[in-house]
Amino acid sequence: MVAPGPVMGETQQQPDDQQLQAMALQFARSPRLGEPADLAGAVAFLFSDDAAWISGQAWSIDGGMSLRG
């Protein structure tokens, strides 16, 4: 399972969303919000034969948000 953090999409490019983006970045160790490409590599790996023996795991791909307490 992939547990993504805030990921930018077409609807989140609006100026009204800048305040929400700033709030989300307060909780991340990354200087930016995620993009779909940030998730794509992990998802592709999990669907590949290289990940055939991985099960029962949750991968946090969240720019470090899960590290903050």
C-alpha atoms as a PDB file:
ATOM      1  CA  MET A   1       0.000   0.000   0.000  1.00  0.00           C
ATOM      2  CA  VAL A   2       1.211   3.497  -0.784  1.00  0.00           C
ATOM      3  CA  ALA A   3       0.275   6.213   1.716  1.00  0.00           C
ATOM      4  CA  PRO A   4       0.904   9.511  -0.081  1.00  0.00           C
ATOM      5  CA  GLY A   5       1.151  12.911   1.491  1.00  0.00           C
ATOM      6  CA  PRO A   6      -0.167  16.088  -0.160  1.00  0.00           C
ATOM      7  CA  VAL A   7       0.263  15.778  -3.913  1.00  0.00           C
ATOM      8  CA  MET A   8      -0.179  18.627  -6.361  1.00  0.00           C
ATOM      9  CA  GLY A   9      -2.791  18.174  -9.047  1.00  0.00           C
ATOM     10  CA  GLU A  10      -4.373  20.382 -11.659  1.00  0.00           C
ATOM     11  CA  THR A  11      -6.983  21.681  -9.234  1.00  0.00           C
ATOM     12  CA  GLN A  12      -4.341  22.633  -6.674  1.00  0.00           C
ATOM     13  CA  GLN A  13      -2.621  25.124  -8.949  1.00  0.00           C
ATOM     14  CA  GLN A  14      -5.103  27.873  -8.135  1.00  0.00           C
ATOM     15  CA  PRO A  15      -3.991  30.947  -6.097  1.00  0.00           C
ATOM     16  CA  ASP A  16      -6.701  30.229  -3.499  1.00  0.00           C
ATOM     17  CA  ASP A  17      -4.884  27.036  -2.572  1.00  0.00           C
ATOM     18  CA  GLN A  18      -1.630  28.778  -1.611  1.00  0.00           C
ATOM     19  CA  GLN A  19      -2.660  29.059   2.042  1.00  0.00           C
ATOM     20  CA  LEU A  20      -3.521  25.339   2.181  1.00  0.00           C
ATOM     21  CA  GLN A  21      -0.220  24.475   0.519  1.00  0.00           C
ATOM     22  CA  ALA A  22       1.704  26.590   3.046  1.00  0.00           C
ATOM     23  CA  MET A  23      -0.068  24.830   5.915  1.00  0.00           C
ATOM     24  CA  ALA A  24       0.745  21.401   4.479  1.00  0.00           C
ATOM     25  CA  LEU A  25       4.422  22.334   4.075  1.00  0.00           C
ATOM     26  CA  GLN A  26       4.663  23.198   7.770  1.00  0.00           C
ATOM     27  CA  PHE A  27       4.365  19.488   8.518  1.00  0.00           C
ATOM     28  CA  ALA A  28       6.702  18.179   5.796  1.00  0.00           C
ATOM     29  CA  ARG A  29      10.472  17.948   5.730  1.00  0.00           C
ATOM     30  CA  SER A  30      10.436  18.511   1.985  1.00  0.00           C
ATOM     31  CA  PRO A  31      10.490  22.105   0.712  1.00  0.00           C
ATOM     32  CA  ARG A  32       7.680  21.335  -1.744  1.00  0.00           C
ATOM     33  CA  LEU A  33       4.488  19.362  -2.062  1.00  0.00           C
ATOM     34  CA  GLY A  34       4.562  16.096  -3.953  1.00  0.00           C
ATOM     35  CA  GLU A  35       3.796  15.604  -7.605  1.00  0.00           C
ATOM     36  CA  PRO A  36       2.292  12.534  -9.269  1.00  0.00           C
ATOM     37  CA  ALA A  37       5.731  11.588 -10.606  1.00  0.00           C
ATOM     38  CA  ASP A  38       6.999  11.327  -7.016  1.00  0.00           C
ATOM     39  CA  LEU A  39       4.593   8.448  -6.444  1.00  0.00           C
ATOM     40  CA  ALA A  40       4.896   6.819  -9.864  1.00  0.00           C
ATOM     41  CA  GLY A  41       8.282   5.179  -9.324  1.00  0.00           C
ATOM     42  CA  ALA A  42       7.278   3.540  -6.052  1.00  0.00           C
ATOM     43  CA  VAL A  43       3.988   2.324  -7.469  1.00  0.00           C
ATOM     44  CA  ALA A  44       5.724   0.945 -10.568  1.00  0.00           C
ATOM     45  CA  PHE A  45       8.228  -0.859  -8.354  1.00  0.00           C
ATOM     46  CA  LEU A  46       5.488  -2.392  -6.187  1.00  0.00           C
ATOM     47  CA  PHE A  47       3.771  -3.729  -9.317  1.00  0.00           C
ATOM     48  CA  SER A  48       7.019  -5.156 -10.685  1.00  0.00           C
ATOM     49  CA  ASP A  49       8.456  -8.633 -10.222  1.00  0.00           C
ATOM     50  CA  ASP A  50      11.217  -7.060  -8.081  1.00  0.00           C
ATOM     51  CA  ALA A  51       8.630  -6.445  -5.350  1.00  0.00           C
ATOM     52  CA  ALA A  52       7.042  -9.897  -5.545  1.00  0.00           C
ATOM     53  CA  TRP A  53       8.024 -10.750  -1.983  1.00  0.00           C
ATOM     54  CA  ILE A  54       6.824  -7.482  -0.406  1.00  0.00           C
ATOM     55  CA  SER A  55       3.488  -7.787   1.321  1.00  0.00           C
ATOM     56  CA  GLY A  56       1.664  -6.252   4.235  1.00  0.00           C
ATOM     57  CA  GLN A  57       3.586  -2.989   4.087  1.00  0.00           C
ATOM     58  CA  ALA A  58       2.500   0.631   3.930  1.00  0.00           C
ATOM     59  CA  TRP A  59       4.960   2.921   2.206  1.00  0.00           C
ATOM     60  CA  SER A  60       4.683   6.548   3.321  1.00  0.00           C
ATOM     61  CA  ILE A  61       5.605   8.711   0.366  1.00  0.00           C
ATOM     62  CA  ASP A  62       4.864  12.020   1.974  1.00  0.00           C
ATOM     63  CA  GLY A  63       7.879  14.313   1.874  1.00  0.00           C
ATOM     64  CA  GLY A  64       8.697  13.476   5.478  1.00  0.00           C
ATOM     65  CA  MET A  65       5.323  14.356   6.977  1.00  0.00           C
ATOM     66  CA  SER A  66       5.141  11.040   8.833  1.00  0.00           C
ATOM     67  CA  LEU A  67       8.481  11.816  10.531  1.00  0.00           C
ATOM     68  CA  ARG A  68       7.098  14.808  12.364  1.00  0.00           C
ATOM     69  CA  GLY A  69       5.561  14.161  15.726  1.00  0.00           C
END
